[in-house]
C-alpha atoms as a PDB file:
ATOM      1  CA  MET A   1     -23.760 -26.429 -12.874  1.00  0.00           C
ATOM      2  CA  ASN A   2     -25.501 -29.439 -11.364  1.00  0.00           C
ATOM      3  CA  TRP A   3     -22.126 -30.655 -10.181  1.00  0.00           C
ATOM      4  CA  VAL A   4     -21.192 -27.379  -8.701  1.00  0.00           C
ATOM      5  CA  GLU A   5     -24.556 -27.340  -6.888  1.00  0.00           C
ATOM      6  CA  ASN A   6     -23.992 -30.643  -5.417  1.00  0.00           C
ATOM      7  CA  HIS A   7     -20.397 -30.386  -4.220  1.00  0.00           C
ATOM      8  CA  ASN A   8     -18.846 -28.403  -1.385  1.00  0.00           C
ATOM      9  CA  PRO A   9     -16.339 -25.627  -1.980  1.00  0.00           C
ATOM     10  CA  GLU A  10     -13.322 -27.852  -1.138  1.00  0.00           C
ATOM     11  CA  GLU A  11     -14.228 -30.412  -3.719  1.00  0.00           C
ATOM     12  CA  ILE A  12     -14.918 -27.659  -6.326  1.00  0.00           C
ATOM     13  CA  ALA A  13     -11.578 -25.900  -5.476  1.00  0.00           C
ATOM     14  CA  LYS A  14      -9.712 -29.255  -5.818  1.00  0.00           C
ATOM     15  CA  SER A  15     -11.188 -29.754  -9.319  1.00  0.00           C
ATOM     16  CA  LEU A  16     -10.253 -26.196 -10.291  1.00  0.00           C
ATOM     17  CA  HIS A  17      -6.766 -26.347  -8.975  1.00  0.00           C
ATOM     18  CA  PRO A  18      -5.229 -28.083 -12.066  1.00  0.00           C
ATOM     19  CA  HIS A  19      -6.269 -25.126 -14.126  1.00  0.00           C
ATOM     20  CA  PHE A  20      -4.706 -22.727 -11.656  1.00  0.00           C
ATOM     21  CA  PRO A  21      -1.560 -24.540 -10.590  1.00  0.00           C
ATOM     22  CA  ASP A  22       0.028 -21.500  -9.078  1.00  0.00           C
ATOM     23  CA  ALA A  23      -2.999 -20.653  -6.874  1.00  0.00           C
ATOM     24  CA  ASP A  24      -3.092 -21.843  -3.304  1.00  0.00           C
ATOM     25  CA  LEU A  25      -5.738 -24.395  -2.725  1.00  0.00           C
ATOM     26  CA  GLU A  26      -7.011 -22.530   0.337  1.00  0.00           C
ATOM     27  CA  VAL A  27      -7.339 -19.378  -1.636  1.00  0.00           C
ATOM     28  CA  LEU A  28      -9.368 -21.163  -4.335  1.00  0.00           C
ATOM     29  CA  THR A  29     -11.535 -22.675  -1.676  1.00  0.00           C
ATOM     30  CA  ALA A  30     -12.263 -19.209  -0.256  1.00  0.00           C
ATOM     31  CA  LEU A  31     -13.043 -17.858  -3.647  1.00  0.00           C
ATOM     32  CA  VAL A  32     -15.527 -20.679  -4.302  1.00  0.00           C
ATOM     33  CA  GLU A  33     -17.089 -20.093  -0.939  1.00  0.00           C
ATOM     34  CA  ARG A  34     -17.508 -16.500  -1.832  1.00  0.00           C
ATOM     35  CA  TYR A  35     -19.030 -17.282  -5.180  1.00  0.00           C
ATOM     36  CA  LYS A  36     -21.461 -19.705  -3.538  1.00  0.00           C
ATOM     37  CA  ALA A  37     -22.431 -17.172  -0.887  1.00  0.00           C
ATOM     38  CA  GLN A  38     -22.976 -14.577  -3.549  1.00  0.00           C
ATOM     39  CA  ASP A  39     -25.183 -17.031  -5.419  1.00  0.00           C
ATOM     40  CA  THR A  40     -22.977 -16.526  -8.453  1.00  0.00           C
ATOM     41  CA  TRP A  41     -23.436 -19.904  -9.987  1.00  0.00           C
ATOM     42  CA  LYS A  42     -27.041 -20.527 -10.897  1.00  0.00           C
ATOM     43  CA  PRO A  43     -28.194 -24.118 -11.526  1.00  0.00           C
ATOM     44  CA  ASP A  44     -30.270 -23.086 -14.574  1.00  0.00           C
ATOM     45  CA  LEU A  45     -27.478 -20.871 -16.183  1.00  0.00           C
ATOM     46  CA  ILE A  46     -29.997 -18.091 -16.693  1.00  0.00           C
ATOM     47  CA  LEU A  47     -28.513 -14.703 -15.917  1.00  0.00           C
ATOM     48  CA  THR A  48     -31.569 -12.613 -14.774  1.00  0.00           C
ATOM     49  CA  GLU A  49     -31.545  -8.826 -14.733  1.00  0.00           C
ATOM     50  CA  GLU A  50     -31.453  -9.018 -10.886  1.00  0.00           C
ATOM     51  CA  GLY A  51     -28.293 -11.309 -11.075  1.00  0.00           C
ATOM     52  CA  LEU A  52     -26.632  -8.937 -13.610  1.00  0.00           C
ATOM     53  CA  ASN A  53     -27.295  -6.023 -11.268  1.00  0.00           C
ATOM     54  CA  HIS A  54     -25.924  -7.893  -8.336  1.00  0.00           C
ATOM     55  CA  MET A  55     -22.708  -8.812 -10.332  1.00  0.00           C
ATOM     56  CA  MET A  56     -22.278  -5.174 -11.331  1.00  0.00           C
ATOM     57  CA  ASP A  57     -22.731  -4.068  -7.679  1.00  0.00           C
ATOM     58  CA  ILE A  58     -19.937  -6.426  -6.778  1.00  0.00           C
ATOM     59  CA  ILE A  59     -17.681  -5.140  -9.487  1.00  0.00           C
ATOM     60  CA  ASP A  60     -18.552  -1.502  -8.636  1.00  0.00           C
ATOM     61  CA  ALA A  61     -17.786  -2.154  -5.003  1.00  0.00           C
ATOM     62  CA  ALA A  62     -14.441  -3.789  -5.935  1.00  0.00           C
ATOM     63  CA  ILE A  63     -13.075  -1.495  -8.641  1.00  0.00           C
ATOM     64  CA  GLY A  64     -15.823   0.910  -9.600  1.00  0.00           C
ATOM     65  CA  LEU A  65     -17.869   1.075 -12.789  1.00  0.00           C
ATOM     66  CA  ASP A  66     -18.050   4.132 -14.994  1.00  0.00           C
ATOM     67  CA  ASP A  67     -21.335   2.982 -16.478  1.00  0.00           C
ATOM     68  CA  ARG A  68     -23.718   0.023 -16.449  1.00  0.00           C
ATOM     69  CA  ALA A  69     -24.729  -1.674 -19.549  1.00  0.00           C
ATOM     70  CA  PRO A  70     -28.365  -2.317 -20.101  1.00  0.00           C
ATOM     71  CA  TYR A  71     -29.477  -5.907 -19.508  1.00  0.00           C
ATOM     72  CA  ASP A  72     -31.222  -6.293 -22.832  1.00  0.00           C
ATOM     73  CA  LYS A  73     -28.103  -5.250 -24.721  1.00  0.00           C
ATOM     74  CA  ILE A  74     -25.614  -7.607 -23.148  1.00  0.00           C
ATOM     75  CA  VAL A  75     -27.566 -10.618 -22.109  1.00  0.00           C
ATOM     76  CA  ASN A  76     -28.935 -13.407 -24.361  1.00  0.00           C
ATOM     77  CA  THR A  77     -30.550 -16.204 -22.476  1.00  0.00           C
ATOM     78  CA  GLU A  78     -31.531 -18.102 -25.689  1.00  0.00           C
ATOM     79  CA  PHE A  79     -28.666 -20.589 -25.625  1.00  0.00           C
ATOM     80  CA  ALA A  80     -28.985 -21.422 -21.880  1.00  0.00           C
ATOM     81  CA  LYS A  81     -32.770 -21.964 -22.273  1.00  0.00           C
ATOM     82  CA  LYS A  82     -32.169 -24.222 -25.273  1.00  0.00           C
ATOM     83  CA  ALA A  83     -29.523 -26.271 -23.338  1.00  0.00           C
ATOM     84  CA  MET A  84     -31.884 -26.651 -20.361  1.00  0.00           C
ATOM     85  CA  ASN A  85     -34.522 -28.254 -22.672  1.00  0.00           C
ATOM     86  CA  GLU A  86     -32.152 -30.761 -24.131  1.00  0.00           C
END
């Protein structure tokens, strides 16, 4: 995530493009810009309860959610915290 944090949307989109060869580079760039504006990618990789709620708000606005899963039932930060300490 440090790399994402330290590069602009165009650079990130170019690095993603080989994985999405049918996608237009301008569309990928716009998606990366949106993700950065939404603060989707966190440098510490820890998904907070606030972050999960924000993500569910975005999904709900886009396609609707019938129900929201409780944070403590679907998020495990143990591995991200361990990786940060290595």
